[in-house]
Structure formats: C-alpha cells, structure tokens
Amino acid sequence: MKHSKTVVASAITGLFALFTVSGAALAAKPGMEKCYGIAKSGKNDCQTGSSSCAGTSTEDNQKDAWIYVPEGTCSKITGGSTEPGE
C-alpha cells in the first residue's frame, strides 16, 4: 500500500512540474509582445476568455485571442492591440 501512495505522489509531482514548465514556456519571450485581435481561427498562442488552450480560438481576429509578434509591430497591424478586447 505504501508503494502505491509513493507512485501516485510521484505522478502528481511530475504532472505539476510539467504544467509549471509549460506555463514558463509561454512567458514573455524576449523581443516579442502579445498582440490581441489578429490571430486566425485556431491559431492563437494561448488561452482566451472563452477557451483554455492554444489553438482553440473560434473565429478570425477574436478580440481576446493573441499571438506573439516582434515588439513594436502590434500597433502597426490593423485591429492589433496589446490589450485584450471584449
């Protein structure tokens, strides 16, 4: 019984580490900025207000879906914003 608890605890610890590393991978990238409102359907880089995963935006130019672009370019893209829309 003790062995089973150890295996379960190890598995939970491993999953926690995996999600922590995955979240860090989506942290701000040097030289890049999040640009909202320009991603094509299913091409967003991370969660939106209505979905929890990358690649799950449901429409083109969804105001709460973002992708990384080089710093300073978001404001030059029609419809692009560094803040999420409603």
PDB file of N, CA and C in Angstrom:
ATOM      1  N   MET A   1       0.822  -1.187   0.000  1.00  0.00           N
ATOM      2  CA  MET A   1       0.000   0.000   0.000  1.00  0.00           C
ATOM      3  C   MET A   1       0.869   1.255   0.000  1.00  0.00           C
ATOM      4  N   LYS A   2       1.957   1.216   0.767  1.00  0.00           N
ATOM      5  CA  LYS A   2       2.840   2.374   0.831  1.00  0.00           C
ATOM      6  C   LYS A   2       3.457   2.655  -0.536  1.00  0.00           C
ATOM      7  N   HIS A   3       3.784   1.612  -1.281  1.00  0.00           N
ATOM      8  CA  HIS A   3       4.369   1.763  -2.615  1.00  0.00           C
ATOM      9  C   HIS A   3       3.377   2.474  -3.548  1.00  0.00           C
ATOM     10  N   SER A   4       2.110   2.147  -3.474  1.00  0.00           N
ATOM     11  CA  SER A   4       1.092   2.779  -4.320  1.00  0.00           C
ATOM     12  C   SER A   4       0.993   4.273  -4.044  1.00  0.00           C
ATOM     13  N   LYS A   5       1.052   4.651  -2.788  1.00  0.00           N
ATOM     14  CA  LYS A   5       0.983   6.066  -2.427  1.00  0.00           C
ATOM     15  C   LYS A   5       2.200   6.818  -2.961  1.00  0.00           C
ATOM     16  N   THR A   6       3.352   6.176  -2.914  1.00  0.00           N
ATOM     17  CA  THR A   6       4.573   6.794  -3.426  1.00  0.00           C
ATOM     18  C   THR A   6       4.481   6.998  -4.934  1.00  0.00           C
ATOM     19  N   VAL A   7       3.973   6.023  -5.640  1.00  0.00           N
ATOM     20  CA  VAL A   7       3.827   6.121  -7.098  1.00  0.00           C
ATOM     21  C   VAL A   7       2.846   7.242  -7.452  1.00  0.00           C
ATOM     22  N   VAL A   8       1.732   7.300  -6.763  1.00  0.00           N
ATOM     23  CA  VAL A   8       0.741   8.343  -7.024  1.00  0.00           C
ATOM     24  C   VAL A   8       1.322   9.721  -6.717  1.00  0.00           C
ATOM     25  N   ALA A   9       2.016   9.862  -5.618  1.00  0.00           N
ATOM     26  CA  ALA A   9       2.618  11.141  -5.255  1.00  0.00           C
ATOM     27  C   ALA A   9       3.655  11.555  -6.298  1.00  0.00           C
ATOM     28  N   SER A  10       4.445  10.607  -6.772  1.00  0.00           N
ATOM     29  CA  SER A  10       5.443  10.906  -7.802  1.00  0.00           C
ATOM     30  C   SER A  10       4.772  11.348  -9.096  1.00  0.00           C
ATOM     31  N   ALA A  11       3.697  10.696  -9.462  1.00  0.00           N
ATOM     32  CA  ALA A  11       2.977  11.054 -10.685  1.00  0.00           C
ATOM     33  C   ALA A  11       2.398  12.458 -10.585  1.00  0.00           C
ATOM     34  N   ILE A  12       1.824  12.787  -9.458  1.00  0.00           N
ATOM     35  CA  ILE A  12       1.254  14.120  -9.256  1.00  0.00           C
ATOM     36  C   ILE A  12       2.350  15.175  -9.298  1.00  0.00           C
ATOM     37  N   THR A  13       3.468  14.899  -8.659  1.00  0.00           N
ATOM     38  CA  THR A  13       4.596  15.830  -8.675  1.00  0.00           C
ATOM     39  C   THR A  13       5.100  16.032 -10.107  1.00  0.00           C
ATOM     40  N   GLY A  14       5.183  14.966 -10.858  1.00  0.00           N
ATOM     41  CA  GLY A  14       5.627  15.048 -12.250  1.00  0.00           C
ATOM     42  C   GLY A  14       4.683  15.875 -13.106  1.00  0.00           C
ATOM     43  N   LEU A  15       3.393  15.684 -12.932  1.00  0.00           N
ATOM     44  CA  LEU A  15       2.410  16.471 -13.686  1.00  0.00           C
ATOM     45  C   LEU A  15       2.494  17.946 -13.322  1.00  0.00           C
ATOM     46  N   PHE A  16       2.658  18.224 -12.034  1.00  0.00           N
ATOM     47  CA  PHE A  16       2.788  19.617 -11.598  1.00  0.00           C
ATOM     48  C   PHE A  16       4.010  20.260 -12.249  1.00  0.00           C
ATOM     49  N   ALA A  17       5.111  19.547 -12.278  1.00  0.00           N
ATOM     50  CA  ALA A  17       6.341  20.075 -12.892  1.00  0.00           C
ATOM     51  C   ALA A  17       6.135  20.300 -14.383  1.00  0.00           C
ATOM     52  N   LEU A  18       5.446  19.385 -15.044  1.00  0.00           N
ATOM     53  CA  LEU A  18       5.179  19.524 -16.473  1.00  0.00           C
ATOM     54  C   LEU A  18       4.369  20.778 -16.756  1.00  0.00           C
ATOM     55  N   PHE A  19       3.308  21.014 -15.992  1.00  0.00           N
ATOM     56  CA  PHE A  19       2.474  22.194 -16.203  1.00  0.00           C
ATOM     57  C   PHE A  19       3.226  23.475 -15.856  1.00  0.00           C
ATOM     58  N   THR A  20       4.084  23.423 -14.854  1.00  0.00           N
ATOM     59  CA  THR A  20       4.876  24.598 -14.487  1.00  0.00           C
ATOM     60  C   THR A  20       5.840  24.959 -15.614  1.00  0.00           C
ATOM     61  N   VAL A  21       6.500  23.979 -16.172  1.00  0.00           N
ATOM     62  CA  VAL A  21       7.430  24.223 -17.277  1.00  0.00           C
ATOM     63  C   VAL A  21       6.663  24.699 -18.504  1.00  0.00           C
ATOM     64  N   SER A  22       5.507  24.103 -18.799  1.00  0.00           N
ATOM     65  CA  SER A  22       4.707  24.523 -19.946  1.00  0.00           C
ATOM     66  C   SER A  22       4.287  25.970 -19.799  1.00  0.00           C
ATOM     67  N   GLY A  23       3.894  26.383 -18.610  1.00  0.00           N
ATOM     68  CA  GLY A  23       3.495  27.767 -18.368  1.00  0.00           C
ATOM     69  C   GLY A  23       4.664  28.707 -18.546  1.00  0.00           C
ATOM     70  N   ALA A  24       5.841  28.293 -18.116  1.00  0.00           N
ATOM     71  CA  ALA A  24       7.024  29.132 -18.267  1.00  0.00           C
ATOM     72  C   ALA A  24       7.377  29.297 -19.736  1.00  0.00           C
ATOM     73  N   ALA A  25       7.111  28.284 -20.544  1.00  0.00           N
ATOM     74  CA  ALA A  25       7.415  28.369 -21.969  1.00  0.00           C
ATOM     75  C   ALA A  25       6.560  29.437 -22.640  1.00  0.00           C
ATOM     76  N   LEU A  26       5.394  29.728 -22.073  1.00  0.00           N
ATOM     77  CA  LEU A  26       4.523  30.738 -22.650  1.00  0.00           C
ATOM     78  C   LEU A  26       4.731  32.108 -22.018  1.00  0.00           C
ATOM     79  N   ALA A  27       5.684  32.203 -21.131  1.00  0.00           N
ATOM     80  CA  ALA A  27       6.000  33.501 -20.536  1.00  0.00           C
ATOM     81  C   ALA A  27       6.531  34.420 -21.633  1.00  0.00           C
ATOM     82  N   ALA A  28       6.566  35.699 -21.340  1.00  0.00           N
ATOM     83  CA  ALA A  28       7.003  36.680 -22.330  1.00  0.00           C
ATOM     84  C   ALA A  28       8.336  36.272 -22.952  1.00  0.00           C
ATOM     85  N   LYS A  29       8.358  36.319 -24.262  1.00  0.00           N
ATOM     86  CA  LYS A  29       9.581  35.980 -24.992  1.00  0.00           C
ATOM     87  C   LYS A  29      10.351  37.268 -25.247  1.00  0.00           C
ATOM     88  N   PRO A  30      11.658  37.258 -25.066  1.00  0.00           N
ATOM     89  CA  PRO A  30      12.449  38.470 -25.313  1.00  0.00           C
ATOM     90  C   PRO A  30      12.258  38.967 -26.755  1.00  0.00           C
ATOM     91  N   GLY A  31      12.008  40.255 -26.873  1.00  0.00           N
ATOM     92  CA  GLY A  31      11.846  40.853 -28.191  1.00  0.00           C
ATOM     93  C   GLY A  31      10.481  40.643 -28.821  1.00  0.00           C
ATOM     94  N   MET A  32       9.568  40.032 -28.072  1.00  0.00           N
ATOM     95  CA  MET A  32       8.230  39.744 -28.598  1.00  0.00           C
ATOM     96  C   MET A  32       7.182  40.359 -27.684  1.00  0.00           C
ATOM     97  N   GLU A  33       5.987  40.593 -28.220  1.00  0.00           N
ATOM     98  CA  GLU A  33       4.871  41.084 -27.419  1.00  0.00           C
ATOM     99  C   GLU A  33       3.601  40.345 -27.825  1.00  0.00           C
ATOM    100  N   LYS A  34       2.667  40.254 -26.901  1.00  0.00           N
ATOM    101  CA  LYS A  34       1.375  39.650 -27.198  1.00  0.00           C
ATOM    102  C   LYS A  34       0.571  40.654 -28.008  1.00  0.00           C
ATOM    103  N   CYS A  35      -0.049  40.175 -29.078  1.00  0.00           N
ATOM    104  CA  CYS A  35      -0.887  41.036 -29.907  1.00  0.00           C
ATOM    105  C   CYS A  35      -2.264  40.386 -30.013  1.00  0.00           C
ATOM    106  N   TYR A  36      -3.252  41.062 -29.465  1.00  0.00           N
ATOM    107  CA  TYR A  36      -4.623  40.570 -29.443  1.00  0.00           C
ATOM    108  C   TYR A  36      -5.377  41.017 -30.696  1.00  0.00           C
ATOM    109  N   GLY A  37      -6.341  40.187 -31.105  1.00  0.00           N
ATOM    110  CA  GLY A  37      -7.250  40.578 -32.170  1.00  0.00           C
ATOM    111  C   GLY A  37      -6.759  40.338 -33.584  1.00  0.00           C
ATOM    112  N   ILE A  38      -5.648  39.627 -33.755  1.00  0.00           N
ATOM    113  CA  ILE A  38      -5.141  39.399 -35.112  1.00  0.00           C
ATOM    114  C   ILE A  38      -4.983  37.923 -35.454  1.00  0.00           C
ATOM    115  N   ALA A  39      -5.159  37.041 -34.489  1.00  0.00           N
ATOM    116  CA  ALA A  39      -4.962  35.609 -34.725  1.00  0.00           C
ATOM    117  C   ALA A  39      -6.090  35.045 -35.587  1.00  0.00           C
ATOM    118  N   LYS A  40      -5.735  34.134 -36.463  1.00  0.00           N
ATOM    119  CA  LYS A  40      -6.728  33.418 -37.261  1.00  0.00           C
ATOM    120  C   LYS A  40      -7.364  32.340 -36.387  1.00  0.00           C
ATOM    121  N   SER A  41      -8.540  31.903 -36.760  1.00  0.00           N
ATOM    122  CA  SER A  41      -9.255  30.875 -36.018  1.00  0.00           C
ATOM    123  C   SER A  41      -8.368  29.651 -35.802  1.00  0.00           C
ATOM    124  N   GLY A  42      -8.247  29.237 -34.544  1.00  0.00           N
ATOM    125  CA  GLY A  42      -7.455  28.058 -34.206  1.00  0.00           C
ATOM    126  C   GLY A  42      -5.957  28.272 -34.213  1.00  0.00           C
ATOM    127  N   LYS A  43      -5.488  29.504 -34.322  1.00  0.00           N
ATOM    128  CA  LYS A  43      -4.055  29.771 -34.401  1.00  0.00           C
ATOM    129  C   LYS A  43      -3.537  30.630 -33.254  1.00  0.00           C
ATOM    130  N   ASN A  44      -4.323  30.822 -32.201  1.00  0.00           N
ATOM    131  CA  ASN A  44      -3.876  31.638 -31.064  1.00  0.00           C
ATOM    132  C   ASN A  44      -2.776  30.925 -30.288  1.00  0.00           C
ATOM    133  N   ASP A  45      -1.912  31.710 -29.614  1.00  0.00           N
ATOM    134  CA  ASP A  45      -0.778  31.148 -28.875  1.00  0.00           C
ATOM    135  C   ASP A  45      -1.134  30.652 -27.480  1.00  0.00           C
ATOM    136  N   CYS A  46      -2.199  31.144 -26.890  1.00  0.00           N
ATOM    137  CA  CYS A  46      -2.544  30.710 -25.542  1.00  0.00           C
ATOM    138  C   CYS A  46      -4.037  30.882 -25.303  1.00  0.00           C
ATOM    139  N   GLN A  47      -4.449  30.654 -24.072  1.00  0.00           N
ATOM    140  CA  GLN A  47      -5.872  30.673 -23.738  1.00  0.00           C
ATOM    141  C   GLN A  47      -6.533  32.010 -24.050  1.00  0.00           C
ATOM    142  N   THR A  48      -7.854  31.958 -24.208  1.00  0.00           N
ATOM    143  CA  THR A  48      -8.662  33.150 -24.417  1.00  0.00           C
ATOM    144  C   THR A  48      -9.659  33.231 -23.274  1.00  0.00           C
ATOM    145  N   GLY A  49     -10.520  34.213 -23.301  1.00  0.00           N
ATOM    146  CA  GLY A  49     -11.549  34.328 -22.282  1.00  0.00           C
ATOM    147  C   GLY A  49     -12.567  33.195 -22.341  1.00  0.00           C
ATOM    148  N   SER A  50     -12.666  32.548 -23.500  1.00  0.00           N
ATOM    149  CA  SER A  50     -13.673  31.500 -23.664  1.00  0.00           C
ATOM    150  C   SER A  50     -13.076  30.115 -23.924  1.00  0.00           C
ATOM    151  N   SER A  51     -11.757  29.982 -23.944  1.00  0.00           N
ATOM    152  CA  SER A  51     -11.133  28.680 -24.128  1.00  0.00           C
ATOM    153  C   SER A  51      -9.856  28.612 -23.292  1.00  0.00           C
ATOM    154  N   SER A  52      -9.383  27.400 -23.056  1.00  0.00           N
ATOM    155  CA  SER A  52      -8.268  27.251 -22.131  1.00  0.00           C
ATOM    156  C   SER A  52      -6.958  26.802 -22.758  1.00  0.00           C
ATOM    157  N   CYS A  53      -6.902  26.678 -24.070  1.00  0.00           N
ATOM    158  CA  CYS A  53      -5.690  26.156 -24.685  1.00  0.00           C
ATOM    159  C   CYS A  53      -5.293  26.934 -25.932  1.00  0.00           C
ATOM    160  N   ALA A  54      -4.033  26.817 -26.281  1.00  0.00           N
ATOM    161  CA  ALA A  54      -3.551  27.393 -27.535  1.00  0.00           C
ATOM    162  C   ALA A  54      -4.239  26.685 -28.692  1.00  0.00           C
ATOM    163  N   GLY A  55      -4.470  27.421 -29.760  1.00  0.00           N
ATOM    164  CA  GLY A  55      -5.072  26.832 -30.954  1.00  0.00           C
ATOM    165  C   GLY A  55      -6.554  26.581 -30.850  1.00  0.00           C
ATOM    166  N   THR A  56      -7.234  27.245 -29.910  1.00  0.00           N
ATOM    167  CA  THR A  56      -8.666  26.982 -29.739  1.00  0.00           C
ATOM    168  C   THR A  56      -9.550  28.202 -29.970  1.00  0.00           C
ATOM    169  N   SER A  57      -9.007  29.274 -30.519  1.00  0.00           N
ATOM    170  CA  SER A  57      -9.873  30.421 -30.806  1.00  0.00           C
ATOM    171  C   SER A  57     -10.891  29.977 -31.849  1.00  0.00           C
ATOM    172  N   THR A  58     -12.083  30.526 -31.785  1.00  0.00           N
ATOM    173  CA  THR A  58     -13.172  30.041 -32.620  1.00  0.00           C
ATOM    174  C   THR A  58     -13.478  30.914 -33.831  1.00  0.00           C
ATOM    175  N   GLU A  59     -12.834  32.070 -33.914  1.00  0.00           N
ATOM    176  CA  GLU A  59     -13.072  32.944 -35.063  1.00  0.00           C
ATOM    177  C   GLU A  59     -11.818  33.755 -35.379  1.00  0.00           C
ATOM    178  N   ASP A  60     -11.704  34.191 -36.617  1.00  0.00           N
ATOM    179  CA  ASP A  60     -10.603  35.056 -37.002  1.00  0.00           C
ATOM    180  C   ASP A  60     -10.701  36.372 -36.248  1.00  0.00           C
ATOM    181  N   ASN A  61      -9.559  36.911 -35.859  1.00  0.00           N
ATOM    182  CA  ASN A  61      -9.473  38.220 -35.197  1.00  0.00           C
ATOM    183  C   ASN A  61     -10.262  38.310 -33.895  1.00  0.00           C
ATOM    184  N   GLN A  62     -10.380  37.206 -33.190  1.00  0.00           N
ATOM    185  CA  GLN A  62     -11.074  37.172 -31.900  1.00  0.00           C
ATOM    186  C   GLN A  62     -10.367  38.137 -30.956  1.00  0.00           C
ATOM    187  N   LYS A  63     -11.100  39.031 -30.329  1.00  0.00           N
ATOM    188  CA  LYS A  63     -10.519  40.127 -29.545  1.00  0.00           C
ATOM    189  C   LYS A  63      -9.753  39.683 -28.304  1.00  0.00           C
ATOM    190  N   ASP A  64     -10.028  38.489 -27.776  1.00  0.00           N
ATOM    191  CA  ASP A  64      -9.317  38.030 -26.589  1.00  0.00           C
ATOM    192  C   ASP A  64      -8.264  36.964 -26.906  1.00  0.00           C
ATOM    193  N   ALA A  65      -8.061  36.665 -28.182  1.00  0.00           N
ATOM    194  CA  ALA A  65      -7.046  35.698 -28.604  1.00  0.00           C
ATOM    195  C   ALA A  65      -5.796  36.455 -29.040  1.00  0.00           C
ATOM    196  N   TRP A  66      -4.623  35.924 -28.688  1.00  0.00           N
ATOM    197  CA  TRP A  66      -3.387  36.631 -29.021  1.00  0.00           C
ATOM    198  C   TRP A  66      -2.354  35.700 -29.621  1.00  0.00           C
ATOM    199  N   ILE A  67      -1.388  36.313 -30.305  1.00  0.00           N
ATOM    200  CA  ILE A  67      -0.200  35.633 -30.805  1.00  0.00           C
ATOM    201  C   ILE A  67       0.991  36.537 -30.514  1.00  0.00           C
ATOM    202  N   TYR A  68       2.180  35.937 -30.460  1.00  0.00           N
ATOM    203  CA  TYR A  68       3.389  36.731 -30.281  1.00  0.00           C
ATOM    204  C   TYR A  68       3.793  37.361 -31.609  1.00  0.00           C
ATOM    205  N   VAL A  69       4.181  38.632 -31.554  1.00  0.00           N
ATOM    206  CA  VAL A  69       4.732  39.349 -32.705  1.00  0.00           C
ATOM    207  C   VAL A  69       5.964  40.109 -32.222  1.00  0.00           C
ATOM    208  N   PRO A  70       6.857  40.502 -33.129  1.00  0.00           N
ATOM    209  CA  PRO A  70       8.017  41.292 -32.697  1.00  0.00           C
ATOM    210  C   PRO A  70       7.568  42.589 -32.025  1.00  0.00           C
ATOM    211  N   GLU A  71       8.288  42.987 -30.964  1.00  0.00           N
ATOM    212  CA  GLU A  71       7.936  44.203 -30.227  1.00  0.00           C
ATOM    213  C   GLU A  71       7.800  45.394 -31.167  1.00  0.00           C
ATOM    214  N   GLY A  72       6.764  46.194 -30.923  1.00  0.00           N
ATOM    215  CA  GLY A  72       6.535  47.404 -31.691  1.00  0.00           C
ATOM    216  C   GLY A  72       5.719  47.213 -32.953  1.00  0.00           C
ATOM    217  N   THR A  73       5.408  45.969 -33.314  1.00  0.00           N
ATOM    218  CA  THR A  73       4.651  45.765 -34.554  1.00  0.00           C
ATOM    219  C   THR A  73       3.147  45.639 -34.343  1.00  0.00           C
ATOM    220  N   CYS A  74       2.719  45.277 -33.163  1.00  0.00           N
ATOM    221  CA  CYS A  74       1.285  45.062 -32.928  1.00  0.00           C
ATOM    222  C   CYS A  74       0.467  46.304 -33.250  1.00  0.00           C
ATOM    223  N   SER A  75       0.934  47.442 -32.803  1.00  0.00           N
ATOM    224  CA  SER A  75       0.180  48.679 -33.026  1.00  0.00           C
ATOM    225  C   SER A  75       0.131  49.060 -34.508  1.00  0.00           C
ATOM    226  N   LYS A  76       0.993  48.483 -35.319  1.00  0.00           N
ATOM    227  CA  LYS A  76       1.019  48.770 -36.755  1.00  0.00           C
ATOM    228  C   LYS A  76       0.093  47.859 -37.555  1.00  0.00           C
ATOM    229  N   ILE A  77      -0.421  46.807 -36.917  1.00  0.00           N
ATOM    230  CA  ILE A  77      -1.286  45.841 -37.588  1.00  0.00           C
ATOM    231  C   ILE A  77      -2.733  46.260 -37.387  1.00  0.00           C
ATOM    232  N   THR A  78      -3.486  46.368 -38.462  1.00  0.00           N
ATOM    233  CA  THR A  78      -4.900  46.750 -38.376  1.00  0.00           C
ATOM    234  C   THR A  78      -5.646  45.779 -37.464  1.00  0.00           C
ATOM    235  N   GLY A  79      -6.281  46.318 -36.425  1.00  0.00           N
ATOM    236  CA  GLY A  79      -7.030  45.508 -35.472  1.00  0.00           C
ATOM    237  C   GLY A  79      -6.192  44.988 -34.328  1.00  0.00           C
ATOM    238  N   GLY A  80      -4.875  45.157 -34.368  1.00  0.00           N
ATOM    239  CA  GLY A  80      -3.991  44.655 -33.326  1.00  0.00           C
ATOM    240  C   GLY A  80      -4.001  45.541 -32.089  1.00  0.00           C
ATOM    241  N   SER A  81      -3.896  44.909 -30.910  1.00  0.00           N
ATOM    242  CA  SER A  81      -3.866  45.625 -29.649  1.00  0.00           C
ATOM    243  C   SER A  81      -3.027  44.833 -28.649  1.00  0.00           C
ATOM    244  N   THR A  82      -2.306  45.531 -27.784  1.00  0.00           N
ATOM    245  CA  THR A  82      -1.548  44.843 -26.750  1.00  0.00           C
ATOM    246  C   THR A  82      -2.394  44.570 -25.515  1.00  0.00           C
ATOM    247  N   GLU A  83      -3.661  44.936 -25.576  1.00  0.00           N
ATOM    248  CA  GLU A  83      -4.620  44.655 -24.502  1.00  0.00           C
ATOM    249  C   GLU A  83      -5.776  43.839 -25.075  1.00  0.00           C
ATOM    250  N   PRO A  84      -6.295  42.864 -24.309  1.00  0.00           N
ATOM    251  CA  PRO A  84      -7.420  42.071 -24.826  1.00  0.00           C
ATOM    252  C   PRO A  84      -8.677  42.902 -24.980  1.00  0.00           C
ATOM    253  N   GLY A  85      -9.453  42.579 -25.987  1.00  0.00           N
ATOM    254  CA  GLY A  85     -10.727  43.261 -26.202  1.00  0.00           C
ATOM    255  C   GLY A  85     -11.862  42.501 -25.569  1.00  0.00           C
ATOM    256  N   GLU A  86     -13.010  43.074 -25.627  1.00  0.00           N
ATOM    257  CA  GLU A  86     -14.220  42.446 -25.051  1.00  0.00           C
ATOM    258  C   GLU A  86     -14.801  41.437 -26.006  1.00  0.00           C
TER     259      GLU A  86
END
